[in-house]
């Protein structure tokens, strides 16, 4: 990772941590504000279309008071602040911002779709027959 990429990663991480901290102060009132700011920023800056589409979906969810908006508010209220920050950083910065371009590059290079998320179910037997 270059110095420029490392700086971008740190800046994005700090921004996400700040946003979660701001949201936790009063989730009901601040969720719409933060989503609106992020949505407007996505249109101002040269973000990939996939991120603009994701933010548009979150904005629609929050603006229309869908059940997902209440889930987001409850998550912010009921989760330890450090856990909420870590979750947000891992999903937004690591998985979405840095992971999606790598995923798409690997998909083109290898010729198969790379999953964005893997669910490991400890109740099922492994089907890989490694041993």
N, C-alpha and C. Protein backbone atom coordinates (compact mmCIF):
# COMPACT_ATOMS: atom_id res chain seq x y z
N UNK A 1 0.84 -1.17 0.00
CA UNK A 1 0.00 0.00 0.00
C UNK A 1 0.89 1.24 0.00
N UNK A 2 0.58 2.16 -0.89
CA UNK A 2 1.38 3.38 -0.99
C UNK A 2 1.04 4.34 0.16
N UNK A 3 1.86 5.36 0.30
CA UNK A 3 1.63 6.36 1.35
C UNK A 3 0.30 7.07 1.12
N UNK A 4 0.02 7.39 -0.14
CA UNK A 4 -1.25 8.06 -0.47
C UNK A 4 -2.45 7.21 -0.10
N UNK A 5 -2.37 5.92 -0.41
CA UNK A 5 -3.46 5.02 -0.06
C UNK A 5 -3.61 4.90 1.45
N UNK A 6 -2.49 4.83 2.15
CA UNK A 6 -2.53 4.74 3.61
C UNK A 6 -3.17 5.99 4.21
N UNK A 7 -2.83 7.16 3.67
CA UNK A 7 -3.43 8.40 4.15
C UNK A 7 -4.94 8.44 3.89
N UNK A 8 -5.35 7.98 2.71
CA UNK A 8 -6.78 7.92 2.40
C UNK A 8 -7.50 6.99 3.37
N UNK A 9 -6.88 5.86 3.64
CA UNK A 9 -7.49 4.88 4.54
C UNK A 9 -7.65 5.46 5.95
N UNK A 10 -6.61 6.13 6.44
CA UNK A 10 -6.68 6.73 7.78
C UNK A 10 -7.74 7.84 7.80
N UNK A 11 -7.76 8.68 6.77
CA UNK A 11 -8.74 9.77 6.73
C UNK A 11 -10.16 9.23 6.69
N UNK A 12 -10.39 8.21 5.88
CA UNK A 12 -11.73 7.62 5.79
C UNK A 12 -12.11 6.94 7.11
N UNK A 13 -11.16 6.26 7.73
CA UNK A 13 -11.42 5.61 9.02
C UNK A 13 -11.80 6.63 10.07
N UNK A 14 -11.06 7.72 10.16
CA UNK A 14 -11.36 8.77 11.14
C UNK A 14 -12.71 9.42 10.86
N UNK A 15 -13.04 9.60 9.59
CA UNK A 15 -14.33 10.18 9.23
C UNK A 15 -15.47 9.27 9.65
N UNK A 16 -15.33 7.98 9.40
CA UNK A 16 -16.37 7.02 9.79
C UNK A 16 -16.50 6.97 11.30
N UNK A 17 -15.39 6.96 12.00
CA UNK A 17 -15.43 6.95 13.47
C UNK A 17 -16.10 8.21 14.01
N UNK A 18 -15.79 9.38 13.41
CA UNK A 18 -16.44 10.62 13.82
C UNK A 18 -17.94 10.54 13.59
N UNK A 19 -18.34 10.05 12.40
CA UNK A 19 -19.77 9.97 12.07
C UNK A 19 -20.51 9.07 13.05
N UNK A 20 -19.93 7.93 13.40
CA UNK A 20 -20.57 7.02 14.36
C UNK A 20 -20.66 7.70 15.72
N UNK A 21 -19.61 8.38 16.15
CA UNK A 21 -19.64 9.11 17.42
C UNK A 21 -20.72 10.18 17.43
N UNK A 22 -20.87 10.89 16.32
CA UNK A 22 -21.91 11.92 16.21
C UNK A 22 -23.29 11.29 16.23
N UNK A 23 -23.45 10.18 15.52
CA UNK A 23 -24.74 9.50 15.47
C UNK A 23 -25.16 8.98 16.84
N UNK A 24 -24.20 8.52 17.62
CA UNK A 24 -24.52 7.92 18.92
C UNK A 24 -25.04 8.95 19.92
N UNK A 25 -24.74 10.23 19.73
CA UNK A 25 -25.20 11.26 20.66
C UNK A 25 -26.72 11.37 20.66
N UNK A 26 -27.34 11.34 19.48
CA UNK A 26 -28.79 11.41 19.35
C UNK A 26 -29.17 10.75 18.02
N UNK A 27 -29.23 9.42 18.00
CA UNK A 27 -29.44 8.71 16.74
C UNK A 27 -30.69 9.13 15.97
N UNK A 28 -31.81 9.33 16.67
CA UNK A 28 -33.05 9.66 15.96
C UNK A 28 -32.92 10.96 15.17
N UNK A 29 -32.28 11.95 15.76
CA UNK A 29 -32.17 13.25 15.12
C UNK A 29 -31.02 13.31 14.12
N UNK A 30 -29.93 12.62 14.40
CA UNK A 30 -28.71 12.79 13.61
C UNK A 30 -28.59 11.86 12.42
N UNK A 31 -29.35 10.77 12.38
CA UNK A 31 -29.21 9.81 11.27
C UNK A 31 -29.51 10.49 9.94
N UNK A 32 -30.61 11.22 9.87
CA UNK A 32 -30.97 11.87 8.60
C UNK A 32 -29.92 12.90 8.19
N UNK A 33 -29.39 13.64 9.17
CA UNK A 33 -28.37 14.65 8.87
C UNK A 33 -27.12 14.02 8.27
N UNK A 34 -26.63 12.97 8.91
CA UNK A 34 -25.39 12.32 8.45
C UNK A 34 -25.59 11.68 7.09
N UNK A 35 -26.71 11.01 6.89
CA UNK A 35 -26.98 10.37 5.60
C UNK A 35 -27.08 11.43 4.50
N UNK A 36 -27.72 12.55 4.79
CA UNK A 36 -27.84 13.64 3.81
C UNK A 36 -26.46 14.21 3.46
N UNK A 37 -25.61 14.41 4.47
CA UNK A 37 -24.26 14.92 4.24
C UNK A 37 -23.46 13.94 3.38
N UNK A 38 -23.52 12.66 3.72
CA UNK A 38 -22.78 11.65 2.95
C UNK A 38 -23.31 11.55 1.52
N UNK A 39 -24.62 11.61 1.36
CA UNK A 39 -25.22 11.52 0.03
C UNK A 39 -24.78 12.71 -0.83
N UNK A 40 -24.84 13.91 -0.27
CA UNK A 40 -24.40 15.10 -1.01
C UNK A 40 -22.91 15.05 -1.33
N UNK A 41 -22.12 14.55 -0.38
CA UNK A 41 -20.67 14.43 -0.61
C UNK A 41 -20.38 13.43 -1.72
N UNK A 42 -21.18 12.36 -1.79
CA UNK A 42 -20.95 11.36 -2.84
C UNK A 42 -21.20 11.95 -4.22
N UNK A 43 -22.11 12.89 -4.32
CA UNK A 43 -22.38 13.53 -5.60
C UNK A 43 -21.36 14.63 -5.91
N UNK A 44 -20.77 15.21 -4.87
CA UNK A 44 -19.77 16.27 -5.06
C UNK A 44 -18.42 15.69 -5.47
N UNK A 45 -18.02 14.61 -4.77
CA UNK A 45 -16.72 14.00 -5.05
C UNK A 45 -16.87 12.92 -6.10
N UNK A 46 -15.78 12.55 -6.70
CA UNK A 46 -15.78 11.56 -7.78
C UNK A 46 -15.75 10.15 -7.19
N UNK A 47 -16.87 9.72 -6.64
CA UNK A 47 -16.96 8.38 -6.07
C UNK A 47 -17.44 7.41 -7.13
N UNK A 48 -17.04 6.15 -7.04
CA UNK A 48 -17.57 5.15 -7.96
C UNK A 48 -19.09 5.05 -7.84
N UNK A 49 -19.74 4.71 -8.93
CA UNK A 49 -21.20 4.66 -8.97
C UNK A 49 -21.78 3.69 -7.95
N UNK A 50 -21.07 2.60 -7.68
CA UNK A 50 -21.58 1.61 -6.73
C UNK A 50 -21.77 2.23 -5.35
N UNK A 51 -20.88 3.11 -4.93
CA UNK A 51 -21.01 3.76 -3.62
C UNK A 51 -22.14 4.78 -3.63
N UNK A 52 -22.30 5.50 -4.75
CA UNK A 52 -23.41 6.44 -4.86
C UNK A 52 -24.75 5.70 -4.76
N UNK A 53 -24.83 4.55 -5.42
CA UNK A 53 -26.06 3.75 -5.38
C UNK A 53 -26.35 3.24 -3.97
N UNK A 54 -25.30 2.82 -3.27
CA UNK A 54 -25.49 2.33 -1.90
C UNK A 54 -25.97 3.46 -0.99
N UNK A 55 -25.37 4.64 -1.11
CA UNK A 55 -25.80 5.77 -0.30
C UNK A 55 -27.22 6.21 -0.64
N UNK A 56 -27.57 6.12 -1.92
CA UNK A 56 -28.94 6.45 -2.32
C UNK A 56 -29.93 5.49 -1.66
N UNK A 57 -29.57 4.21 -1.60
CA UNK A 57 -30.42 3.22 -0.93
C UNK A 57 -30.59 3.51 0.55
N UNK A 58 -29.50 3.87 1.22
CA UNK A 58 -29.56 4.20 2.65
C UNK A 58 -30.39 5.46 2.85
N UNK A 59 -30.22 6.44 1.97
CA UNK A 59 -30.99 7.69 2.07
C UNK A 59 -32.48 7.41 1.91
N UNK A 60 -32.85 6.58 0.95
CA UNK A 60 -34.25 6.21 0.75
C UNK A 60 -34.80 5.50 1.98
N UNK A 61 -34.01 4.61 2.54
CA UNK A 61 -34.39 3.88 3.75
C UNK A 61 -34.69 4.83 4.90
N UNK A 62 -33.81 5.79 5.12
CA UNK A 62 -33.95 6.73 6.24
C UNK A 62 -35.05 7.75 5.97
N UNK A 63 -35.12 8.28 4.75
CA UNK A 63 -36.11 9.31 4.44
C UNK A 63 -37.54 8.79 4.52
N UNK A 64 -37.74 7.53 4.18
CA UNK A 64 -39.09 6.96 4.16
C UNK A 64 -39.46 6.22 5.44
N UNK A 65 -38.63 6.37 6.47
CA UNK A 65 -38.87 5.70 7.76
C UNK A 65 -39.17 4.21 7.61
N UNK A 66 -38.39 3.56 6.80
CA UNK A 66 -38.52 2.12 6.63
C UNK A 66 -38.05 1.41 7.89
N UNK A 67 -38.41 0.15 8.08
CA UNK A 67 -37.96 -0.59 9.27
C UNK A 67 -36.44 -0.63 9.42
N UNK A 68 -35.72 -0.62 8.32
CA UNK A 68 -34.27 -0.62 8.38
C UNK A 68 -33.71 0.61 9.06
N UNK A 69 -34.41 1.74 8.95
CA UNK A 69 -33.97 2.96 9.62
C UNK A 69 -34.05 2.78 11.13
N UNK A 70 -35.14 2.18 11.60
CA UNK A 70 -35.27 1.93 13.04
C UNK A 70 -34.23 0.91 13.50
N UNK A 71 -33.92 -0.06 12.65
CA UNK A 71 -32.87 -1.03 12.98
C UNK A 71 -31.53 -0.32 13.15
N UNK A 72 -31.23 0.60 12.25
CA UNK A 72 -29.99 1.36 12.34
C UNK A 72 -29.94 2.18 13.63
N UNK A 73 -31.05 2.83 13.97
CA UNK A 73 -31.12 3.63 15.20
C UNK A 73 -30.94 2.73 16.42
N UNK A 74 -31.62 1.59 16.43
CA UNK A 74 -31.48 0.66 17.56
C UNK A 74 -30.06 0.12 17.67
N UNK A 75 -29.44 -0.14 16.54
CA UNK A 75 -28.06 -0.62 16.54
C UNK A 75 -27.14 0.42 17.19
N UNK A 76 -27.34 1.68 16.84
CA UNK A 76 -26.52 2.75 17.41
C UNK A 76 -26.79 2.94 18.90
N UNK A 77 -28.03 2.78 19.32
CA UNK A 77 -28.39 2.96 20.73
C UNK A 77 -27.91 1.81 21.60
N UNK A 78 -28.06 0.59 21.10
CA UNK A 78 -27.88 -0.60 21.93
C UNK A 78 -26.52 -1.26 21.83
N UNK A 79 -25.66 -0.77 20.97
CA UNK A 79 -24.35 -1.38 20.77
C UNK A 79 -23.28 -0.54 21.46
N UNK A 80 -22.31 -1.21 22.05
CA UNK A 80 -21.17 -0.53 22.65
C UNK A 80 -20.55 0.39 21.60
N UNK A 81 -20.26 1.64 21.94
CA UNK A 81 -19.73 2.59 20.95
C UNK A 81 -18.47 2.10 20.22
N UNK A 82 -17.58 1.44 20.93
CA UNK A 82 -16.36 0.95 20.28
C UNK A 82 -16.67 -0.18 19.29
N UNK A 83 -17.63 -1.02 19.64
CA UNK A 83 -18.03 -2.10 18.74
C UNK A 83 -18.70 -1.51 17.49
N UNK A 84 -19.56 -0.51 17.68
CA UNK A 84 -20.22 0.13 16.55
C UNK A 84 -19.20 0.78 15.61
N UNK A 85 -18.20 1.44 16.18
CA UNK A 85 -17.16 2.07 15.35
C UNK A 85 -16.38 1.02 14.58
N UNK A 86 -16.01 -0.06 15.25
CA UNK A 86 -15.23 -1.11 14.60
C UNK A 86 -16.03 -1.78 13.49
N UNK A 87 -17.32 -2.04 13.75
CA UNK A 87 -18.19 -2.62 12.73
C UNK A 87 -18.28 -1.71 11.52
N UNK A 88 -18.50 -0.41 11.76
CA UNK A 88 -18.62 0.54 10.66
C UNK A 88 -17.33 0.64 9.87
N UNK A 89 -16.20 0.71 10.56
CA UNK A 89 -14.91 0.79 9.86
C UNK A 89 -14.67 -0.47 9.03
N UNK A 90 -14.95 -1.63 9.60
CA UNK A 90 -14.71 -2.87 8.87
C UNK A 90 -15.60 -3.01 7.64
N UNK A 91 -16.87 -2.65 7.77
CA UNK A 91 -17.77 -2.79 6.62
C UNK A 91 -17.61 -1.66 5.61
N UNK A 92 -17.51 -0.43 6.08
CA UNK A 92 -17.46 0.71 5.15
C UNK A 92 -16.07 0.89 4.56
N UNK A 93 -15.06 0.94 5.41
CA UNK A 93 -13.70 1.23 4.92
C UNK A 93 -13.06 -0.01 4.33
N UNK A 94 -12.96 -1.06 5.13
CA UNK A 94 -12.21 -2.24 4.70
C UNK A 94 -12.95 -3.06 3.64
N UNK A 95 -14.21 -3.39 3.88
CA UNK A 95 -14.93 -4.26 2.95
C UNK A 95 -15.42 -3.50 1.72
N UNK A 96 -16.11 -2.38 1.92
CA UNK A 96 -16.71 -1.69 0.78
C UNK A 96 -15.70 -0.83 0.03
N UNK A 97 -15.06 0.12 0.72
CA UNK A 97 -14.20 1.07 0.02
C UNK A 97 -12.97 0.42 -0.59
N UNK A 98 -12.27 -0.42 0.18
CA UNK A 98 -11.06 -1.05 -0.33
C UNK A 98 -11.32 -2.43 -0.92
N UNK A 99 -12.32 -3.13 -0.39
CA UNK A 99 -12.55 -4.51 -0.81
C UNK A 99 -13.25 -4.67 -2.14
N UNK A 100 -14.23 -3.80 -2.43
CA UNK A 100 -15.00 -3.94 -3.67
C UNK A 100 -14.11 -3.81 -4.91
N UNK A 101 -13.22 -2.81 -5.00
CA UNK A 101 -12.35 -2.76 -6.18
C UNK A 101 -11.46 -4.01 -6.33
N UNK A 102 -10.95 -4.52 -5.21
CA UNK A 102 -10.13 -5.74 -5.26
C UNK A 102 -10.99 -6.92 -5.70
N UNK A 103 -12.21 -6.98 -5.19
CA UNK A 103 -13.14 -8.05 -5.56
C UNK A 103 -13.43 -8.01 -7.06
N UNK A 104 -13.70 -6.84 -7.58
CA UNK A 104 -14.01 -6.73 -9.02
C UNK A 104 -12.80 -7.06 -9.88
N UNK A 105 -11.63 -6.63 -9.45
CA UNK A 105 -10.40 -6.94 -10.18
C UNK A 105 -10.17 -8.45 -10.22
N UNK A 106 -10.36 -9.11 -9.08
CA UNK A 106 -10.18 -10.55 -9.00
C UNK A 106 -11.21 -11.27 -9.85
N UNK A 107 -12.44 -10.77 -9.87
CA UNK A 107 -13.50 -11.37 -10.68
C UNK A 107 -13.12 -11.32 -12.16
N UNK A 108 -12.61 -10.19 -12.62
CA UNK A 108 -12.19 -10.07 -14.02
C UNK A 108 -11.00 -10.98 -14.32
N UNK A 109 -10.03 -10.98 -13.41
CA UNK A 109 -8.79 -11.73 -13.61
C UNK A 109 -9.03 -13.24 -13.60
N UNK A 110 -9.80 -13.72 -12.63
CA UNK A 110 -9.98 -15.16 -12.44
C UNK A 110 -11.17 -15.73 -13.19
N UNK A 111 -12.14 -14.88 -13.56
CA UNK A 111 -13.27 -15.35 -14.32
C UNK A 111 -14.41 -15.95 -13.51
N UNK A 112 -14.45 -15.70 -12.22
CA UNK A 112 -15.59 -16.15 -11.41
C UNK A 112 -15.92 -15.06 -10.39
N UNK A 113 -17.16 -15.06 -9.92
CA UNK A 113 -17.59 -14.04 -8.97
C UNK A 113 -17.03 -14.32 -7.59
N UNK A 114 -16.47 -13.30 -6.98
CA UNK A 114 -15.92 -13.39 -5.64
C UNK A 114 -16.99 -12.88 -4.68
N UNK A 115 -17.34 -13.65 -3.65
CA UNK A 115 -18.38 -13.18 -2.73
C UNK A 115 -17.92 -11.97 -1.92
N UNK A 116 -18.85 -11.06 -1.64
CA UNK A 116 -18.54 -9.89 -0.83
C UNK A 116 -18.56 -10.25 0.64
N UNK A 117 -19.37 -11.22 0.98
CA UNK A 117 -19.56 -11.58 2.38
C UNK A 117 -19.67 -13.10 2.47
N UNK A 118 -19.00 -13.68 3.42
CA UNK A 118 -19.09 -15.13 3.62
C UNK A 118 -19.66 -15.40 4.99
N UNK A 119 -20.62 -16.27 5.04
CA UNK A 119 -21.21 -16.68 6.30
C UNK A 119 -20.65 -18.05 6.65
N UNK A 120 -20.05 -18.15 7.81
CA UNK A 120 -19.53 -19.42 8.29
C UNK A 120 -20.51 -19.95 9.31
N UNK A 121 -21.07 -21.10 9.02
CA UNK A 121 -22.08 -21.69 9.90
C UNK A 121 -21.44 -22.82 10.69
N UNK A 122 -21.19 -22.62 11.97
CA UNK A 122 -20.52 -23.66 12.76
C UNK A 122 -21.39 -24.88 13.03
N UNK A 123 -22.68 -24.80 12.68
CA UNK A 123 -23.56 -25.95 12.93
C UNK A 123 -23.55 -26.94 11.77
N UNK A 124 -22.98 -26.56 10.65
CA UNK A 124 -22.93 -27.45 9.48
C UNK A 124 -21.55 -28.08 9.36
N UNK A 125 -21.53 -29.28 8.80
CA UNK A 125 -20.25 -29.94 8.56
C UNK A 125 -19.57 -29.31 7.35
N UNK A 126 -18.25 -29.28 7.38
CA UNK A 126 -17.48 -28.73 6.27
C UNK A 126 -17.61 -29.66 5.07
N UNK A 127 -17.78 -29.07 3.89
CA UNK A 127 -17.94 -29.88 2.68
C UNK A 127 -16.68 -29.89 1.81
N UNK A 128 -15.54 -29.48 2.36
CA UNK A 128 -14.32 -29.41 1.56
C UNK A 128 -13.50 -30.70 1.55
N UNK A 129 -13.74 -31.61 2.44
CA UNK A 129 -13.04 -32.90 2.47
C UNK A 129 -11.52 -32.73 2.43
N UNK A 130 -11.00 -31.86 3.27
CA UNK A 130 -9.56 -31.58 3.29
C UNK A 130 -8.75 -32.76 3.83
N UNK A 131 -9.30 -33.49 4.73
CA UNK A 131 -8.54 -34.56 5.38
C UNK A 131 -8.88 -35.90 4.78
